[in-house]
PDB file of N, CA and C in Angstrom:
ATOM      1  N   MET A   1     111.402 120.337 113.369  1.00  0.00           N
ATOM      2  CA  MET A   1     111.847 120.169 112.128  1.00  0.00           C
ATOM      3  C   MET A   1     111.025 120.171 111.274  1.00  0.00           C
ATOM      4  N   PRO A   2     110.620 121.352 110.441  1.00  0.00           N
ATOM      5  CA  PRO A   2     109.825 121.559 109.506  1.00  0.00           C
ATOM      6  C   PRO A   2     109.351 120.759 108.080  1.00  0.00           C
ATOM      7  N   VAL A   3     108.554 119.933 108.618  1.00  0.00           N
ATOM      8  CA  VAL A   3     108.160 119.390 106.964  1.00  0.00           C
ATOM      9  C   VAL A   3     106.840 119.774 106.475  1.00  0.00           C
ATOM     10  N   ASP A   4     106.454 119.856 105.079  1.00  0.00           N
ATOM     11  CA  ASP A   4     105.176 119.968 104.508  1.00  0.00           C
ATOM     12  C   ASP A   4     104.608 118.832 104.136  1.00  0.00           C
ATOM     13  N   SER A   5     103.274 119.068 103.992  1.00  0.00           N
ATOM     14  CA  SER A   5     102.793 117.468 103.571  1.00  0.00           C
ATOM     15  C   SER A   5     103.163 117.220 102.194  1.00  0.00           C
ATOM     16  N   HIS A   6     103.276 117.376 101.341  1.00  0.00           N
ATOM     17  CA  HIS A   6     103.792 117.082 100.016  1.00  0.00           C
ATOM     18  C   HIS A   6     105.327 115.951 100.715  1.00  0.00           C
ATOM     19  N   GLU A   7     105.738 116.445 101.256  1.00  0.00           N
ATOM     20  CA  GLU A   7     106.930 115.590 101.531  1.00  0.00           C
ATOM     21  C   GLU A   7     106.722 114.759 102.451  1.00  0.00           C
ATOM     22  N   LEU A   8     106.174 114.752 103.389  1.00  0.00           N
ATOM     23  CA  LEU A   8     105.402 113.171 103.712  1.00  0.00           C
ATOM     24  C   LEU A   8     104.807 112.262 102.963  1.00  0.00           C
ATOM     25  N   VAL A   9     103.938 112.965 101.891  1.00  0.00           N
ATOM     26  CA  VAL A   9     103.368 112.056 101.375  1.00  0.00           C
ATOM     27  C   VAL A   9     104.559 111.068 100.075  1.00  0.00           C
ATOM     28  N   ALA A  10     105.340 112.116  99.678  1.00  0.00           N
ATOM     29  CA  ALA A  10     106.356 111.952  99.116  1.00  0.00           C
ATOM     30  C   ALA A  10     107.324 110.181  99.616  1.00  0.00           C
ATOM     31  N   MET A  11     107.450 110.781 100.760  1.00  0.00           N
ATOM     32  CA  MET A  11     108.283 109.743 101.711  1.00  0.00           C
ATOM     33  C   MET A  11     107.414 108.443 101.483  1.00  0.00           C
ATOM     34  N   TYR A  12     106.249 108.362 101.547  1.00  0.00           N
ATOM     35  CA  TYR A  12     105.275 107.318 101.578  1.00  0.00           C
ATOM     36  C   TYR A  12     105.480 106.237  99.954  1.00  0.00           C
ATOM     37  N   ALA A  13     105.661 107.111  98.953  1.00  0.00           N
ATOM     38  CA  ALA A  13     106.183 106.519  97.954  1.00  0.00           C
ATOM     39  C   ALA A  13     107.077 105.515  97.626  1.00  0.00           C
ATOM     40  N   PRO A  14     106.903 104.455  96.953  1.00  0.00           N
ATOM     41  CA  PRO A  14     105.998 104.239  96.037  1.00  0.00           C
ATOM     42  C   PRO A  14     104.353 103.379  96.198  1.00  0.00           C
ATOM     43  N   ARG A  15     104.371 103.402  97.973  1.00  0.00           N
ATOM     44  CA  ARG A  15     103.359 102.772  98.385  1.00  0.00           C
ATOM     45  C   ARG A  15     101.725 103.739  97.994  1.00  0.00           C
ATOM     46  N   PRO A  16     100.452 102.914  97.805  1.00  0.00           N
ATOM     47  CA  PRO A  16      99.433 103.637  97.692  1.00  0.00           C
ATOM     48  C   PRO A  16      99.053 104.385  98.808  1.00  0.00           C
ATOM     49  N   VAL A  17      98.729 105.612  98.916  1.00  0.00           N
ATOM     50  CA  VAL A  17      98.243 106.513  99.400  1.00  0.00           C
ATOM     51  C   VAL A  17      96.775 107.054  99.224  1.00  0.00           C
ATOM     52  N   PHE A  18      96.190 107.402 100.076  1.00  0.00           N
ATOM     53  CA  PHE A  18      94.437 107.828  99.945  1.00  0.00           C
ATOM     54  C   PHE A  18      94.166 109.129 100.911  1.00  0.00           C
ATOM     55  N   ILE A  19      94.004 110.390 100.104  1.00  0.00           N
ATOM     56  CA  ILE A  19      94.280 111.416 100.979  1.00  0.00           C
ATOM     57  C   ILE A  19      92.562 111.633 100.854  1.00  0.00           C
ATOM     58  N   SER A  20      91.856 112.416 101.827  1.00  0.00           N
ATOM     59  CA  SER A  20      90.715 112.485 102.198  1.00  0.00           C
ATOM     60  C   SER A  20      90.604 114.074 103.292  1.00  0.00           C
ATOM     61  N   ALA A  21      89.819 114.729 102.754  1.00  0.00           N
ATOM     62  CA  ALA A  21      89.538 115.653 103.467  1.00  0.00           C
ATOM     63  C   ALA A  21      87.453 116.173 103.804  1.00  0.00           C
ATOM     64  N   GLY A  22      87.465 116.966 104.222  1.00  0.00           N
ATOM     65  CA  GLY A  22      86.266 117.243 104.157  1.00  0.00           C
ATOM     66  C   GLY A  22      85.696 118.664 103.454  1.00  0.00           C
ATOM     67  N   GLU A  23      84.672 118.707 103.449  1.00  0.00           N
ATOM     68  CA  GLU A  23      84.095 119.916 102.299  1.00  0.00           C
ATOM     69  C   GLU A  23      84.582 121.263 102.578  1.00  0.00           C
ATOM     70  N   LYS A  24      84.679 121.587 103.470  1.00  0.00           N
ATOM     71  CA  LYS A  24      84.545 122.905 104.406  1.00  0.00           C
ATOM     72  C   LYS A  24      86.369 123.462 104.847  1.00  0.00           C
ATOM     73  N   SER A  25      86.948 124.135 104.550  1.00  0.00           N
ATOM     74  CA  SER A  25      88.399 124.401 105.375  1.00  0.00           C
ATOM     75  C   SER A  25      87.731 124.924 106.795  1.00  0.00           C
ATOM     76  N   ASP A  26      87.796 124.503 108.052  1.00  0.00           N
ATOM     77  CA  ASP A  26      87.276 124.996 109.020  1.00  0.00           C
ATOM     78  C   ASP A  26      88.380 125.259 110.205  1.00  0.00           C
ATOM     79  N   GLY A  27      89.725 125.301 109.522  1.00  0.00           N
ATOM     80  CA  GLY A  27      90.426 125.413 111.007  1.00  0.00           C
ATOM     81  C   GLY A  27      91.269 124.202 110.933  1.00  0.00           C
ATOM     82  N   TRP A  28      90.467 122.972 111.089  1.00  0.00           N
ATOM     83  CA  TRP A  28      90.779 121.849 111.173  1.00  0.00           C
ATOM     84  C   TRP A  28      91.295 120.872 110.141  1.00  0.00           C
ATOM     85  N   GLN A  29      90.928 121.347 109.199  1.00  0.00           N
ATOM     86  CA  GLN A  29      91.319 120.500 107.466  1.00  0.00           C
ATOM     87  C   GLN A  29      91.383 121.439 106.969  1.00  0.00           C
ATOM     88  N   ASP A  30      91.889 121.297 105.869  1.00  0.00           N
ATOM     89  CA  ASP A  30      92.321 122.151 104.605  1.00  0.00           C
ATOM     90  C   ASP A  30      92.379 121.126 103.355  1.00  0.00           C
ATOM     91  N   ALA A  31      91.254 121.764 102.878  1.00  0.00           N
ATOM     92  CA  ALA A  31      90.801 119.982 101.745  1.00  0.00           C
ATOM     93  C   ALA A  31      91.924 120.406 100.343  1.00  0.00           C
ATOM     94  N   ARG A  32      92.019 121.744 100.395  1.00  0.00           N
ATOM     95  CA  ARG A  32      92.568 122.196  99.190  1.00  0.00           C
ATOM     96  C   ARG A  32      94.386 121.958  99.251  1.00  0.00           C
ATOM     97  N   GLY A  33      94.725 122.553 100.505  1.00  0.00           N
ATOM     98  CA  GLY A  33      96.143 121.871 100.870  1.00  0.00           C
ATOM     99  C   GLY A  33      96.027 120.622 100.806  1.00  0.00           C
ATOM    100  N   MET A  34      95.442 119.603 100.934  1.00  0.00           N
ATOM    101  CA  MET A  34      96.017 118.214 101.337  1.00  0.00           C
ATOM    102  C   MET A  34      96.138 117.615 100.077  1.00  0.00           C
ATOM    103  N   PHE A  35      94.795 118.269  99.200  1.00  0.00           N
ATOM    104  CA  PHE A  35      95.056 117.906  97.458  1.00  0.00           C
ATOM    105  C   PHE A  35      96.324 118.363  96.883  1.00  0.00           C
ATOM    106  N   MET A  36      96.817 119.658  97.664  1.00  0.00           N
ATOM    107  CA  MET A  36      98.042 120.154  96.885  1.00  0.00           C
ATOM    108  C   MET A  36      98.937 119.139  97.464  1.00  0.00           C
ATOM    109  N   GLY A  37      98.974 119.036  98.489  1.00  0.00           N
ATOM    110  CA  GLY A  37     100.382 117.794  98.830  1.00  0.00           C
ATOM    111  C   GLY A  37     100.258 116.741  98.274  1.00  0.00           C
ATOM    112  N   GLY A  38      99.089 116.181  97.876  1.00  0.00           N
ATOM    113  CA  GLY A  38      99.139 115.359  97.072  1.00  0.00           C
ATOM    114  C   GLY A  38      99.448 115.047  95.861  1.00  0.00           C
ATOM    115  N   MET A  39      99.458 116.410  95.222  1.00  0.00           N
ATOM    116  CA  MET A  39      99.505 116.961  93.454  1.00  0.00           C
ATOM    117  C   MET A  39     100.795 116.958  93.856  1.00  0.00           C
ATOM    118  N   SER A  40     101.504 117.835  95.139  1.00  0.00           N
ATOM    119  CA  SER A  40     102.868 118.299  94.685  1.00  0.00           C
ATOM    120  C   SER A  40     103.709 117.060  94.938  1.00  0.00           C
ATOM    121  N   SER A  41     103.560 115.964  95.860  1.00  0.00           N
ATOM    122  CA  SER A  41     104.104 114.626  95.884  1.00  0.00           C
ATOM    123  C   SER A  41     104.479 113.972  94.459  1.00  0.00           C
ATOM    124  N   GLY A  42     103.472 113.853  93.530  1.00  0.00           N
ATOM    125  CA  GLY A  42     103.291 113.018  92.490  1.00  0.00           C
ATOM    126  C   GLY A  42     104.634 113.143  91.741  1.00  0.00           C
ATOM    127  N   HIS A  43     105.411 113.922  91.448  1.00  0.00           N
ATOM    128  CA  HIS A  43     106.778 113.676  90.950  1.00  0.00           C
ATOM    129  C   HIS A  43     107.559 112.409  91.659  1.00  0.00           C
ATOM    130  N   VAL A  44     107.576 112.379  92.750  1.00  0.00           N
ATOM    131  CA  VAL A  44     108.398 111.474  93.296  1.00  0.00           C
ATOM    132  C   VAL A  44     107.360 109.847  92.973  1.00  0.00           C
ATOM    133  N   TYR A  45     106.374 109.967  92.709  1.00  0.00           N
ATOM    134  CA  TYR A  45     105.501 108.693  92.315  1.00  0.00           C
ATOM    135  C   TYR A  45     105.771 108.700  91.098  1.00  0.00           C
ATOM    136  N   ARG A  46     105.764 109.024  90.230  1.00  0.00           N
ATOM    137  CA  ARG A  46     106.222 109.095  88.618  1.00  0.00           C
ATOM    138  C   ARG A  46     107.679 108.707  88.698  1.00  0.00           C
ATOM    139  N   LEU A  47     108.273 109.711  89.448  1.00  0.00           N
ATOM    140  CA  LEU A  47     109.821 108.618  89.155  1.00  0.00           C
ATOM    141  C   LEU A  47     109.905 107.587  89.772  1.00  0.00           C
ATOM    142  N   LEU A  48     109.544 106.856  90.297  1.00  0.00           N
ATOM    143  CA  LEU A  48     109.372 105.676  91.018  1.00  0.00           C
ATOM    144  C   LEU A  48     108.839 104.438  89.900  1.00  0.00           C
ATOM    145  N   GLY A  49     107.897 105.098  89.052  1.00  0.00           N
ATOM    146  CA  GLY A  49     107.126 104.392  88.004  1.00  0.00           C
ATOM    147  C   GLY A  49     105.677 104.369  88.570  1.00  0.00           C
ATOM    148  N   LYS A  50     105.207 105.396  89.500  1.00  0.00           N
ATOM    149  CA  LYS A  50     103.628 105.260  89.761  1.00  0.00           C
ATOM    150  C   LYS A  50     103.228 106.267  89.372  1.00  0.00           C
ATOM    151  N   LYS A  51     101.552 106.387  89.344  1.00  0.00           N
ATOM    152  CA  LYS A  51     100.701 107.522  88.520  1.00  0.00           C
ATOM    153  C   LYS A  51     100.732 108.187  89.850  1.00  0.00           C
ATOM    154  N   ASP A  52     100.446 109.615  89.547  1.00  0.00           N
ATOM    155  CA  ASP A  52     100.206 110.551  90.285  1.00  0.00           C
ATOM    156  C   ASP A  52      98.814 110.691  90.300  1.00  0.00           C
ATOM    157  N   LEU A  53      97.973 112.119  90.924  1.00  0.00           N
ATOM    158  CA  LEU A  53      96.868 112.143  90.939  1.00  0.00           C
ATOM    159  C   LEU A  53      96.406 112.281  89.469  1.00  0.00           C
ATOM    160  N   GLY A  54      96.953 112.997  88.542  1.00  0.00           N
ATOM    161  CA  GLY A  54      96.354 113.040  87.295  1.00  0.00           C
ATOM    162  C   GLY A  54      95.880 113.869  87.186  1.00  0.00           C
ATOM    163  N   THR A  55      95.983 115.382  87.900  1.00  0.00           N
ATOM    164  CA  THR A  55      95.258 116.508  87.622  1.00  0.00           C
ATOM    165  C   THR A  55      96.428 117.541  88.450  1.00  0.00           C
ATOM    166  N   THR A  56      96.012 119.042  87.766  1.00  0.00           N
ATOM    167  CA  THR A  56      96.395 119.917  88.730  1.00  0.00           C
ATOM    168  C   THR A  56      95.469 120.979  89.668  1.00  0.00           C
ATOM    169  N   VAL A  57      94.272 120.960  89.151  1.00  0.00           N
ATOM    170  CA  VAL A  57      93.156 121.326  89.369  1.00  0.00           C
ATOM    171  C   VAL A  57      92.381 120.383  90.652  1.00  0.00           C
ATOM    172  N   PHE A  58      92.307 121.570  91.559  1.00  0.00           N
ATOM    173  CA  PHE A  58      91.466 121.078  92.688  1.00  0.00           C
ATOM    174  C   PHE A  58      90.118 120.515  92.259  1.00  0.00           C
ATOM    175  N   PRO A  59      89.884 119.601  92.766  1.00  0.00           N
ATOM    176  CA  PRO A  59      88.391 118.782  91.542  1.00  0.00           C
ATOM    177  C   PRO A  59      87.172 119.252  92.575  1.00  0.00           C
ATOM    178  N   PRO A  60      85.913 119.228  92.164  1.00  0.00           N
ATOM    179  CA  PRO A  60      84.729 119.575  92.842  1.00  0.00           C
ATOM    180  C   PRO A  60      84.368 118.939  93.735  1.00  0.00           C
ATOM    181  N   ILE A  61      83.806 118.855  95.037  1.00  0.00           N
ATOM    182  CA  ILE A  61      83.486 118.219  96.320  1.00  0.00           C
ATOM    183  C   ILE A  61      82.725 117.271  95.556  1.00  0.00           C
ATOM    184  N   GLU A  62      83.029 115.930  96.107  1.00  0.00           N
ATOM    185  CA  GLU A  62      82.267 114.424  95.940  1.00  0.00           C
ATOM    186  C   GLU A  62      82.937 113.925  93.942  1.00  0.00           C
ATOM    187  N   THR A  63      84.076 114.463  93.666  1.00  0.00           N
ATOM    188  CA  THR A  63      84.983 113.844  92.745  1.00  0.00           C
ATOM    189  C   THR A  63      85.941 112.980  93.165  1.00  0.00           C
ATOM    190  N   ALA A  64      86.060 111.887  92.911  1.00  0.00           N
ATOM    191  CA  ALA A  64      87.097 110.743  93.513  1.00  0.00           C
ATOM    192  C   ALA A  64      88.293 110.784  92.689  1.00  0.00           C
ATOM    193  N   LEU A  65      89.285 110.818  92.409  1.00  0.00           N
ATOM    194  CA  LEU A  65      90.361 110.769  91.925  1.00  0.00           C
ATOM    195  C   LEU A  65      91.065 109.485  92.531  1.00  0.00           C
ATOM    196  N   ILE A  66      90.355 108.185  91.838  1.00  0.00           N
ATOM    197  CA  ILE A  66      91.042 106.705  92.496  1.00  0.00           C
ATOM    198  C   ILE A  66      90.853 106.232  90.686  1.00  0.00           C
ATOM    199  N   ASP A  67      90.707 106.341  89.599  1.00  0.00           N
ATOM    200  CA  ASP A  67      90.578 105.469  88.690  1.00  0.00           C
ATOM    201  C   ASP A  67      92.274 105.495  87.964  1.00  0.00           C
ATOM    202  N   GLY A  68      93.020 106.374  87.732  1.00  0.00           N
ATOM    203  CA  GLY A  68      93.914 106.425  87.604  1.00  0.00           C
ATOM    204  C   GLY A  68      94.949 105.695  88.422  1.00  0.00           C
ATOM    205  N   SER A  69      95.169 106.097  89.647  1.00  0.00           N
ATOM    206  CA  SER A  69      95.760 105.625  90.613  1.00  0.00           C
ATOM    207  C   SER A  69      95.289 103.528  91.115  1.00  0.00           C
ATOM    208  N   LEU A  70      94.398 103.179  90.695  1.00  0.00           N
ATOM    209  CA  LEU A  70      94.064 102.085  90.657  1.00  0.00           C
ATOM    210  C   LEU A  70      94.650 101.059  89.203  1.00  0.00           C
ATOM    211  N   LEU A  71      95.047 101.930  88.327  1.00  0.00           N
ATOM    212  CA  LEU A  71      95.936 101.016  87.222  1.00  0.00           C
ATOM    213  C   LEU A  71      97.301 100.439  87.763  1.00  0.00           C
ATOM    214  N   SER A  72      97.802 101.662  87.805  1.00  0.00           N
ATOM    215  CA  SER A  72      98.957 100.945  88.074  1.00  0.00           C
ATOM    216  C   SER A  72      99.596 101.631  89.732  1.00  0.00           C
ATOM    217  N   GLY A  73      99.271 102.822  90.544  1.00  0.00           N
ATOM    218  CA  GLY A  73      99.951 103.473  91.333  1.00  0.00           C
ATOM    219  C   GLY A  73      99.120 103.640  92.616  1.00  0.00           C
ATOM    220  N   SER A  74      99.440 105.266  92.875  1.00  0.00           N
ATOM    221  CA  SER A  74      99.159 105.083  94.379  1.00  0.00           C
ATOM    222  C   SER A  74      98.784 105.946  94.736  1.00  0.00           C
ATOM    223  N   ILE A  75      98.352 107.436  94.352  1.00  0.00           N
ATOM    224  CA  ILE A  75      98.052 108.484  95.100  1.00  0.00           C
ATOM    225  C   ILE A  75      96.527 108.597  94.653  1.00  0.00           C
ATOM    226  N   ALA A  76      95.467 108.366  95.472  1.00  0.00           N
ATOM    227  CA  ALA A  76      94.318 108.672  95.062  1.00  0.00           C
ATOM    228  C   ALA A  76      93.719 109.838  96.191  1.00  0.00           C
ATOM    229  N   ALA A  77      92.584 110.675  95.657  1.00  0.00           N
ATOM    230  CA  ALA A  77      92.053 111.721  96.517  1.00  0.00           C
ATOM    231  C   ALA A  77      90.740 111.749  96.477  1.00  0.00           C
ATOM    232  N   ARG A  78      90.190 112.068  97.311  1.00  0.00           N
ATOM    233  CA  ARG A  78      88.726 112.170  97.953  1.00  0.00           C
ATOM    234  C   ARG A  78      88.118 113.741  98.343  1.00  0.00           C
ATOM    235  N   ILE A  79      86.807 114.334  98.251  1.00  0.00           N
ATOM    236  CA  ILE A  79      86.797 115.588  98.700  1.00  0.00           C
ATOM    237  C   ILE A  79      85.145 115.049  99.664  1.00  0.00           C
ATOM    238  N   HIS A  80      85.361 114.589 100.412  1.00  0.00           N
ATOM    239  CA  HIS A  80      83.677 113.989 101.481  1.00  0.00           C
ATOM    240  C   HIS A  80      82.842 114.238 100.538  1.00  0.00           C
ATOM    241  N   PRO A  81      81.808 113.155 100.808  1.00  0.00           N
ATOM    242  CA  PRO A  81      82.216 112.253 101.847  1.00  0.00           C
ATOM    243  C   PRO A  81      83.139 111.235 100.651  1.00  0.00           C
ATOM    244  N   PHE A  82      83.774 110.152 101.575  1.00  0.00           N
ATOM    245  CA  PHE A  82      84.766 109.225 100.954  1.00  0.00           C
ATOM    246  C   PHE A  82      84.440 107.928 101.312  1.00  0.00           C
ATOM    247  N   LEU A  83      83.632 107.330 102.181  1.00  0.00           N
ATOM    248  CA  LEU A  83      83.990 105.875 102.802  1.00  0.00           C
ATOM    249  C   LEU A  83      84.078 104.972 101.628  1.00  0.00           C
ATOM    250  N   ALA A  84      82.698 105.266 100.401  1.00  0.00           N
ATOM    251  CA  ALA A  84      82.815 104.171  99.417  1.00  0.00           C
ATOM    252  C   ALA A  84      83.744 104.064  98.300  1.00  0.00           C
ATOM    253  N   GLN A  85      84.212 105.382  98.334  1.00  0.00           N
ATOM    254  CA  GLN A  85      85.641 105.491  97.314  1.00  0.00           C
ATOM    255  C   GLN A  85      87.273 104.467  98.385  1.00  0.00           C
ATOM    256  N   PHE A  86      87.366 104.914  99.261  1.00  0.00           N
ATOM    257  CA  PHE A  86      88.382 104.490  99.922  1.00  0.00           C
ATOM    258  C   PHE A  86      88.369 103.416 100.021  1.00  0.00           C
ATOM    259  N   LEU A  87      87.115 102.544 100.547  1.00  0.00           N
ATOM    260  CA  LEU A  87      86.731 100.781 100.515  1.00  0.00           C
ATOM    261  C   LEU A  87      87.138 100.273  98.696  1.00  0.00           C
ATOM    262  N   THR A  88      86.617 101.286  97.870  1.00  0.00           N
ATOM    263  CA  THR A  88      87.012 100.639  96.393  1.00  0.00           C
ATOM    264  C   THR A  88      89.126 100.664  96.269  1.00  0.00           C
ATOM    265  N   PHE A  89      89.229 101.518  96.828  1.00  0.00           N
ATOM    266  CA  PHE A  89      90.909 102.094  96.672  1.00  0.00           C
ATOM    267  C   PHE A  89      91.494 100.918  97.743  1.00  0.00           C
ATOM    268  N   SER A  90      90.995 100.804  98.794  1.00  0.00           N
ATOM    269  CA  SER A  90      91.512  99.870  99.549  1.00  0.00           C
ATOM    270  C   SER A  90      91.269  98.032  99.316  1.00  0.00           C
ATOM    271  N   ASP A  91      90.397  97.986  98.748  1.00  0.00           N
ATOM    272  CA  ASP A  91      89.796  96.456  98.156  1.00  0.00           C
ATOM    273  C   ASP A  91      90.732  95.829  97.481  1.00  0.00           C
ATOM    274  N   HIS A  92      91.087  97.469  96.319  1.00  0.00           N
ATOM    275  CA  HIS A  92      92.102  96.649  95.334  1.00  0.00           C
ATOM    276  C   HIS A  92      93.375  96.094  95.484  1.00  0.00           C
ATOM    277  N   TYR A  93      93.329  97.111  96.468  1.00  0.00           N
ATOM    278  CA  TYR A  93      95.137  96.646  97.143  1.00  0.00           C
ATOM    279  C   TYR A  93      95.381  95.662  98.126  1.00  0.00           C
ATOM    280  N   LEU A  94      94.250  95.422  98.456  1.00  0.00           N
ATOM    281  CA  LEU A  94      93.887  94.071  99.677  1.00  0.00           C
ATOM    282  C   LEU A  94      93.877  92.989  98.734  1.00  0.00           C
ATOM    283  N   ALA A  95      92.899  92.966  97.656  1.00  0.00           N
ATOM    284  CA  ALA A  95      92.575  91.564  97.131  1.00  0.00           C
ATOM    285  C   ALA A  95      93.801  91.543  96.181  1.00  0.00           C
ATOM    286  N   VAL A  96      94.753  92.419  95.411  1.00  0.00           N
ATOM    287  CA  VAL A  96      95.826  91.885  94.501  1.00  0.00           C
ATOM    288  C   VAL A  96      97.028  91.721  95.919  1.00  0.00           C
ATOM    289  N   GLY A  97      96.838  92.456  96.611  1.00  0.00           N
ATOM    290  CA  GLY A  97      98.547  91.661  97.454  1.00  0.00           C
ATOM    291  C   GLY A  97      99.216  92.976  97.540  1.00  0.00           C
ATOM    292  N   LYS A  98      98.905  94.141  96.882  1.00  0.00           N
ATOM    293  CA  LYS A  98     100.109  95.031  97.089  1.00  0.00           C
ATOM    294  C   LYS A  98     100.068  96.099  98.232  1.00  0.00           C
TER     295      LYS A  98
END
């Protein structure tokens, strides 16, 4: 069954999701495509009262899109390296129990 990445992310709504990719598209990963999947699923998160990524522009490398998601929402993205931002994102939801 053909399914696009934005549909997979949308099915996860309204739960939090962290999207991360390396800085180069080398056939194994597609940073721009992963960002677009998160961006395109934003309408489902908004429909359910959560925040989307907050932008439709592919961010520069090492830009974390987590600020809006930590307030009330759900989708976050980071283009490599991501560990510190992932820990910030997950710590927020684990500490609050969401």
